[in-house]
Amino acid sequence: MADHSLIEWTDATWNPITGCSVVSPGCTNCYAMRLAGTRLKHHPSRAGLTVDTKAGPVWNGEVRFNEQ
């Protein structure tokens, strides 16, 4: 959980589910997939959720529930 948020209507955020599967051409523009495979690829909740391709990171289909 992020204890501080710049979103004006909330004080904190929490993403309990991470990961996904590519299901349509629209997934090509997924910001979460790109972040999980670049800046956040070594973060414990995102590590190993993408595979590198010539077009950039792509979800590998694994989905995780992050209890912490």
PDB file of N, CA and C in Angstrom:
ATOM      1  N   MET A   1       0.838  -1.178   0.000  1.00  0.00           N
ATOM      2  CA  MET A   1       0.000   0.000   0.000  1.00  0.00           C
ATOM      3  C   MET A   1       0.877   1.232   0.000  1.00  0.00           C
ATOM      4  N   ALA A   2       0.522   2.201  -0.784  1.00  0.00           N
ATOM      5  CA  ALA A   2       1.223   3.487  -0.785  1.00  0.00           C
ATOM      6  C   ALA A   2       0.546   4.378   0.247  1.00  0.00           C
ATOM      7  N   ASP A   3       1.301   4.780   1.257  1.00  0.00           N
ATOM      8  CA  ASP A   3       0.731   5.582   2.335  1.00  0.00           C
ATOM      9  C   ASP A   3       0.487   7.026   1.942  1.00  0.00           C
ATOM     10  N   HIS A   4       0.989   7.426   0.806  1.00  0.00           N
ATOM     11  CA  HIS A   4       0.776   8.790   0.333  1.00  0.00           C
ATOM     12  C   HIS A   4       0.458   8.730  -1.151  1.00  0.00           C
ATOM     13  N   SER A   5      -0.493   9.517  -1.565  1.00  0.00           N
ATOM     14  CA  SER A   5      -0.880   9.544  -2.965  1.00  0.00           C
ATOM     15  C   SER A   5      -1.053  10.980  -3.419  1.00  0.00           C
ATOM     16  N   LEU A   6      -0.708  11.246  -4.668  1.00  0.00           N
ATOM     17  CA  LEU A   6      -0.937  12.565  -5.257  1.00  0.00           C
ATOM     18  C   LEU A   6      -2.339  12.681  -5.848  1.00  0.00           C
ATOM     19  N   ILE A   7      -3.114  11.599  -5.785  1.00  0.00           N
ATOM     20  CA  ILE A   7      -4.502  11.643  -6.256  1.00  0.00           C
ATOM     21  C   ILE A   7      -5.293  12.485  -5.268  1.00  0.00           C
ATOM     22  N   GLU A   8      -5.961  13.506  -5.772  1.00  0.00           N
ATOM     23  CA  GLU A   8      -6.578  14.510  -4.891  1.00  0.00           C
ATOM     24  C   GLU A   8      -7.692  13.972  -4.007  1.00  0.00           C
ATOM     25  N   TRP A   9      -8.350  12.903  -4.400  1.00  0.00           N
ATOM     26  CA  TRP A   9      -9.488  12.417  -3.627  1.00  0.00           C
ATOM     27  C   TRP A   9      -9.172  11.239  -2.708  1.00  0.00           C
ATOM     28  N   THR A  10      -7.871  10.910  -2.546  1.00  0.00           N
ATOM     29  CA  THR A  10      -7.515   9.809  -1.645  1.00  0.00           C
ATOM     30  C   THR A  10      -6.193  10.079  -0.950  1.00  0.00           C
ATOM     31  N   ASP A  11      -5.975   9.415   0.164  1.00  0.00           N
ATOM     32  CA  ASP A  11      -4.728   9.548   0.912  1.00  0.00           C
ATOM     33  C   ASP A  11      -3.773   8.384   0.650  1.00  0.00           C
ATOM     34  N   ALA A  12      -4.308   7.242   0.212  1.00  0.00           N
ATOM     35  CA  ALA A  12      -3.473   6.066   0.009  1.00  0.00           C
ATOM     36  C   ALA A  12      -4.069   5.198  -1.097  1.00  0.00           C
ATOM     37  N   THR A  13      -3.231   4.351  -1.690  1.00  0.00           N
ATOM     38  CA  THR A  13      -3.678   3.420  -2.716  1.00  0.00           C
ATOM     39  C   THR A  13      -3.159   2.022  -2.404  1.00  0.00           C
ATOM     40  N   TRP A  14      -3.819   1.005  -2.959  1.00  0.00           N
ATOM     41  CA  TRP A  14      -3.397  -0.374  -2.758  1.00  0.00           C
ATOM     42  C   TRP A  14      -3.797  -1.182  -3.975  1.00  0.00           C
ATOM     43  N   ASN A  15      -2.858  -1.885  -4.566  1.00  0.00           N
ATOM     44  CA  ASN A  15      -3.127  -2.760  -5.703  1.00  0.00           C
ATOM     45  C   ASN A  15      -2.960  -4.204  -5.244  1.00  0.00           C
ATOM     46  N   PRO A  16      -4.039  -4.869  -4.809  1.00  0.00           N
ATOM     47  CA  PRO A  16      -3.906  -6.231  -4.292  1.00  0.00           C
ATOM     48  C   PRO A  16      -3.641  -7.283  -5.361  1.00  0.00           C
ATOM     49  N   ILE A  17      -3.966  -6.994  -6.615  1.00  0.00           N
ATOM     50  CA  ILE A  17      -3.778  -7.953  -7.701  1.00  0.00           C
ATOM     51  C   ILE A  17      -2.773  -7.385  -8.704  1.00  0.00           C
ATOM     52  N   THR A  18      -1.760  -8.178  -9.065  1.00  0.00           N
ATOM     53  CA  THR A  18      -0.813  -7.773 -10.092  1.00  0.00           C
ATOM     54  C   THR A  18      -0.665  -8.895 -11.097  1.00  0.00           C
ATOM     55  N   GLY A  19      -0.401  -8.512 -12.339  1.00  0.00           N
ATOM     56  CA  GLY A  19      -0.255  -9.471 -13.422  1.00  0.00           C
ATOM     57  C   GLY A  19      -1.468  -9.461 -14.319  1.00  0.00           C
ATOM     58  N   CYS A  20      -1.342 -10.104 -15.477  1.00  0.00           N
ATOM     59  CA  CYS A  20      -2.444 -10.120 -16.433  1.00  0.00           C
ATOM     60  C   CYS A  20      -2.098 -11.048 -17.589  1.00  0.00           C
ATOM     61  N   SER A  21      -3.000 -11.130 -18.545  1.00  0.00           N
ATOM     62  CA  SER A  21      -2.788 -11.862 -19.793  1.00  0.00           C
ATOM     63  C   SER A  21      -3.114 -10.936 -20.952  1.00  0.00           C
ATOM     64  N   VAL A  22      -2.413 -11.094 -22.039  1.00  0.00           N
ATOM     65  CA  VAL A  22      -2.707 -10.321 -23.242  1.00  0.00           C
ATOM     66  C   VAL A  22      -3.927 -10.969 -23.898  1.00  0.00           C
ATOM     67  N   VAL A  23      -5.005 -10.184 -24.057  1.00  0.00           N
ATOM     68  CA  VAL A  23      -6.240 -10.744 -24.600  1.00  0.00           C
ATOM     69  C   VAL A  23      -6.744 -10.022 -25.849  1.00  0.00           C
ATOM     70  N   SER A  24      -6.172  -8.852 -26.164  1.00  0.00           N
ATOM     71  CA  SER A  24      -6.644  -8.118 -27.346  1.00  0.00           C
ATOM     72  C   SER A  24      -5.543  -7.208 -27.872  1.00  0.00           C
ATOM     73  N   PRO A  25      -5.697  -6.673 -29.064  1.00  0.00           N
ATOM     74  CA  PRO A  25      -4.710  -5.743 -29.607  1.00  0.00           C
ATOM     75  C   PRO A  25      -4.544  -4.490 -28.747  1.00  0.00           C
ATOM     76  N   GLY A  26      -5.580  -4.125 -28.003  1.00  0.00           N
ATOM     77  CA  GLY A  26      -5.493  -2.957 -27.127  1.00  0.00           C
ATOM     78  C   GLY A  26      -4.462  -3.123 -26.020  1.00  0.00           C
ATOM     79  N   CYS A  27      -4.133  -4.359 -25.688  1.00  0.00           N
ATOM     80  CA  CYS A  27      -3.147  -4.619 -24.635  1.00  0.00           C
ATOM     81  C   CYS A  27      -1.765  -4.090 -25.012  1.00  0.00           C
ATOM     82  N   THR A  28      -1.534  -3.852 -26.292  1.00  0.00           N
ATOM     83  CA  THR A  28      -0.254  -3.314 -26.760  1.00  0.00           C
ATOM     84  C   THR A  28       0.071  -1.999 -26.067  1.00  0.00           C
ATOM     85  N   ASN A  29      -0.951  -1.234 -25.719  1.00  0.00           N
ATOM     86  CA  ASN A  29      -0.761   0.084 -25.101  1.00  0.00           C
ATOM     87  C   ASN A  29      -0.931   0.078 -23.589  1.00  0.00           C
ATOM     88  N   CYS A  30      -0.864  -1.074 -22.952  1.00  0.00           N
ATOM     89  CA  CYS A  30      -1.088  -1.190 -21.510  1.00  0.00           C
ATOM     90  C   CYS A  30       0.074  -0.575 -20.721  1.00  0.00           C
ATOM     91  N   TYR A  31      -0.231   0.476 -19.952  1.00  0.00           N
ATOM     92  CA  TYR A  31       0.811   1.135 -19.159  1.00  0.00           C
ATOM     93  C   TYR A  31       1.289   0.226 -18.036  1.00  0.00           C
ATOM     94  N   ALA A  32       0.405  -0.569 -17.442  1.00  0.00           N
ATOM     95  CA  ALA A  32       0.792  -1.434 -16.329  1.00  0.00           C
ATOM     96  C   ALA A  32       1.760  -2.523 -16.790  1.00  0.00           C
ATOM     97  N   MET A  33       1.536  -3.062 -17.979  1.00  0.00           N
ATOM     98  CA  MET A  33       2.422  -4.080 -18.524  1.00  0.00           C
ATOM     99  C   MET A  33       3.811  -3.488 -18.777  1.00  0.00           C
ATOM    100  N   ARG A  34       3.836  -2.287 -19.327  1.00  0.00           N
ATOM    101  CA  ARG A  34       5.116  -1.636 -19.616  1.00  0.00           C
ATOM    102  C   ARG A  34       5.880  -1.340 -18.321  1.00  0.00           C
ATOM    103  N   LEU A  35       5.189  -0.824 -17.297  1.00  0.00           N
ATOM    104  CA  LEU A  35       5.844  -0.531 -16.018  1.00  0.00           C
ATOM    105  C   LEU A  35       6.349  -1.808 -15.344  1.00  0.00           C
ATOM    106  N   ALA A  36       5.527  -2.865 -15.364  1.00  0.00           N
ATOM    107  CA  ALA A  36       5.919  -4.122 -14.723  1.00  0.00           C
ATOM    108  C   ALA A  36       7.157  -4.723 -15.370  1.00  0.00           C
ATOM    109  N   GLY A  37       7.369  -4.426 -16.643  1.00  0.00           N
ATOM    110  CA  GLY A  37       8.517  -4.987 -17.351  1.00  0.00           C
ATOM    111  C   GLY A  37       9.706  -4.062 -17.456  1.00  0.00           C
ATOM    112  N   THR A  38       9.583  -2.841 -16.938  1.00  0.00           N
ATOM    113  CA  THR A  38      10.701  -1.888 -17.015  1.00  0.00           C
ATOM    114  C   THR A  38      11.056  -1.385 -15.612  1.00  0.00           C
ATOM    115  N   ARG A  39      10.522  -0.261 -15.215  1.00  0.00           N
ATOM    116  CA  ARG A  39      10.883   0.359 -13.929  1.00  0.00           C
ATOM    117  C   ARG A  39      10.610  -0.529 -12.719  1.00  0.00           C
ATOM    118  N   LEU A  40       9.560  -1.345 -12.773  1.00  0.00           N
ATOM    119  CA  LEU A  40       9.170  -2.147 -11.612  1.00  0.00           C
ATOM    120  C   LEU A  40       9.550  -3.624 -11.732  1.00  0.00           C
ATOM    121  N   LYS A  41      10.360  -3.986 -12.719  1.00  0.00           N
ATOM    122  CA  LYS A  41      10.642  -5.403 -12.961  1.00  0.00           C
ATOM    123  C   LYS A  41      11.367  -6.095 -11.813  1.00  0.00           C
ATOM    124  N   HIS A  42      12.023  -5.329 -10.928  1.00  0.00           N
ATOM    125  CA  HIS A  42      12.719  -5.933  -9.788  1.00  0.00           C
ATOM    126  C   HIS A  42      11.946  -5.762  -8.489  1.00  0.00           C
ATOM    127  N   HIS A  43      10.792  -5.110  -8.524  1.00  0.00           N
ATOM    128  CA  HIS A  43       9.948  -4.949  -7.336  1.00  0.00           C
ATOM    129  C   HIS A  43       9.334  -6.314  -7.028  1.00  0.00           C
ATOM    130  N   PRO A  44       9.337  -6.729  -5.754  1.00  0.00           N
ATOM    131  CA  PRO A  44       8.849  -8.078  -5.414  1.00  0.00           C
ATOM    132  C   PRO A  44       7.448  -8.402  -5.938  1.00  0.00           C
ATOM    133  N   SER A  45       6.556  -7.434  -5.970  1.00  0.00           N
ATOM    134  CA  SER A  45       5.189  -7.730  -6.425  1.00  0.00           C
ATOM    135  C   SER A  45       5.073  -7.802  -7.946  1.00  0.00           C
ATOM    136  N   ARG A  46       6.069  -7.356  -8.685  1.00  0.00           N
ATOM    137  CA  ARG A  46       6.009  -7.346 -10.155  1.00  0.00           C
ATOM    138  C   ARG A  46       7.050  -8.256 -10.817  1.00  0.00           C
ATOM    139  N   ALA A  47       8.058  -8.679 -10.068  1.00  0.00           N
ATOM    140  CA  ALA A  47       9.145  -9.481 -10.630  1.00  0.00           C
ATOM    141  C   ALA A  47       8.612 -10.762 -11.271  1.00  0.00           C
ATOM    142  N   GLY A  48       9.023 -11.002 -12.509  1.00  0.00           N
ATOM    143  CA  GLY A  48       8.673 -12.231 -13.198  1.00  0.00           C
ATOM    144  C   GLY A  48       7.297 -12.266 -13.830  1.00  0.00           C
ATOM    145  N   LEU A  49       6.591 -11.146 -13.871  1.00  0.00           N
ATOM    146  CA  LEU A  49       5.252 -11.124 -14.456  1.00  0.00           C
ATOM    147  C   LEU A  49       5.248 -10.855 -15.953  1.00  0.00           C
ATOM    148  N   THR A  50       6.388 -10.444 -16.507  1.00  0.00           N
ATOM    149  CA  THR A  50       6.476 -10.163 -17.938  1.00  0.00           C
ATOM    150  C   THR A  50       7.659 -10.895 -18.551  1.00  0.00           C
ATOM    151  N   VAL A  51       7.606 -11.039 -19.863  1.00  0.00           N
ATOM    152  CA  VAL A  51       8.742 -11.554 -20.618  1.00  0.00           C
ATOM    153  C   VAL A  51       9.154 -10.469 -21.606  1.00  0.00           C
ATOM    154  N   ASP A  52      10.435 -10.365 -21.859  1.00  0.00           N
ATOM    155  CA  ASP A  52      10.934  -9.361 -22.800  1.00  0.00           C
ATOM    156  C   ASP A  52      10.767  -9.860 -24.233  1.00  0.00           C
ATOM    157  N   THR A  53      10.267  -8.974 -25.090  1.00  0.00           N
ATOM    158  CA  THR A  53      10.142  -9.273 -26.514  1.00  0.00           C
ATOM    159  C   THR A  53      10.718  -8.095 -27.297  1.00  0.00           C
ATOM    160  N   LYS A  54      10.817  -8.240 -28.601  1.00  0.00           N
ATOM    161  CA  LYS A  54      11.310  -7.140 -29.432  1.00  0.00           C
ATOM    162  C   LYS A  54      10.415  -5.915 -29.327  1.00  0.00           C
ATOM    163  N   ALA A  55       9.130  -6.132 -29.069  1.00  0.00           N
ATOM    164  CA  ALA A  55       8.171  -5.030 -28.961  1.00  0.00           C
ATOM    165  C   ALA A  55       8.103  -4.452 -27.545  1.00  0.00           C
ATOM    166  N   GLY A  56       8.842  -5.042 -26.608  1.00  0.00           N
ATOM    167  CA  GLY A  56       8.815  -4.588 -25.220  1.00  0.00           C
ATOM    168  C   GLY A  56       8.266  -5.686 -24.324  1.00  0.00           C
ATOM    169  N   PRO A  57       8.088  -5.374 -23.046  1.00  0.00           N
ATOM    170  CA  PRO A  57       7.612  -6.389 -22.100  1.00  0.00           C
ATOM    171  C   PRO A  57       6.171  -6.801 -22.399  1.00  0.00           C
ATOM    172  N   VAL A  58       5.893  -8.101 -22.189  1.00  0.00           N
ATOM    173  CA  VAL A  58       4.557  -8.652 -22.421  1.00  0.00           C
ATOM    174  C   VAL A  58       4.185  -9.511 -21.210  1.00  0.00           C
ATOM    175  N   TRP A  59       2.941  -9.353 -20.732  1.00  0.00           N
ATOM    176  CA  TRP A  59       2.465 -10.181 -19.616  1.00  0.00           C
ATOM    177  C   TRP A  59       2.663 -11.655 -19.940  1.00  0.00           C
ATOM    178  N   ASN A  60       3.036 -12.444 -18.927  1.00  0.00           N
ATOM    179  CA  ASN A  60       3.211 -13.877 -19.144  1.00  0.00           C
ATOM    180  C   ASN A  60       1.998 -14.690 -18.701  1.00  0.00           C
ATOM    181  N   GLY A  61       0.926 -14.042 -18.226  1.00  0.00           N
ATOM    182  CA  GLY A  61      -0.287 -14.734 -17.822  1.00  0.00           C
ATOM    183  C   GLY A  61      -0.394 -15.011 -16.339  1.00  0.00           C
ATOM    184  N   GLU A  62       0.695 -14.817 -15.603  1.00  0.00           N
ATOM    185  CA  GLU A  62       0.652 -15.040 -14.151  1.00  0.00           C
ATOM    186  C   GLU A  62      -0.060 -13.865 -13.475  1.00  0.00           C
ATOM    187  N   VAL A  63      -0.898 -14.195 -12.503  1.00  0.00           N
ATOM    188  CA  VAL A  63      -1.599 -13.181 -11.708  1.00  0.00           C
ATOM    189  C   VAL A  63      -1.352 -13.499 -10.245  1.00  0.00           C
ATOM    190  N   ARG A  64      -1.046 -12.476  -9.444  1.00  0.00           N
ATOM    191  CA  ARG A  64      -0.730 -12.664  -8.025  1.00  0.00           C
ATOM    192  C   ARG A  64      -1.650 -11.843  -7.135  1.00  0.00           C
ATOM    193  N   PHE A  65      -1.974 -12.413  -5.984  1.00  0.00           N
ATOM    194  CA  PHE A  65      -2.680 -11.674  -4.940  1.00  0.00           C
ATOM    195  C   PHE A  65      -1.629 -11.248  -3.923  1.00  0.00           C
ATOM    196  N   ASN A  66      -1.531  -9.957  -3.678  1.00  0.00           N
ATOM    197  CA  ASN A  66      -0.523  -9.403  -2.765  1.00  0.00           C
ATOM    198  C   ASN A  66      -1.151  -9.075  -1.414  1.00  0.00           C
ATOM    199  N   GLU A  67      -1.055 -10.021  -0.501  1.00  0.00           N
ATOM    200  CA  GLU A  67      -1.672  -9.837   0.827  1.00  0.00           C
ATOM    201  C   GLU A  67      -1.076  -8.683   1.620  1.00  0.00           C
ATOM    202  N   GLN A  68       0.240  -8.516   1.555  1.00  0.00           N
ATOM    203  CA  GLN A  68       0.887  -7.485   2.350  1.00  0.00           C
ATOM    204  C   GLN A  68       0.418  -6.118   1.950  1.00  0.00           C
TER     205      GLN A  68
END
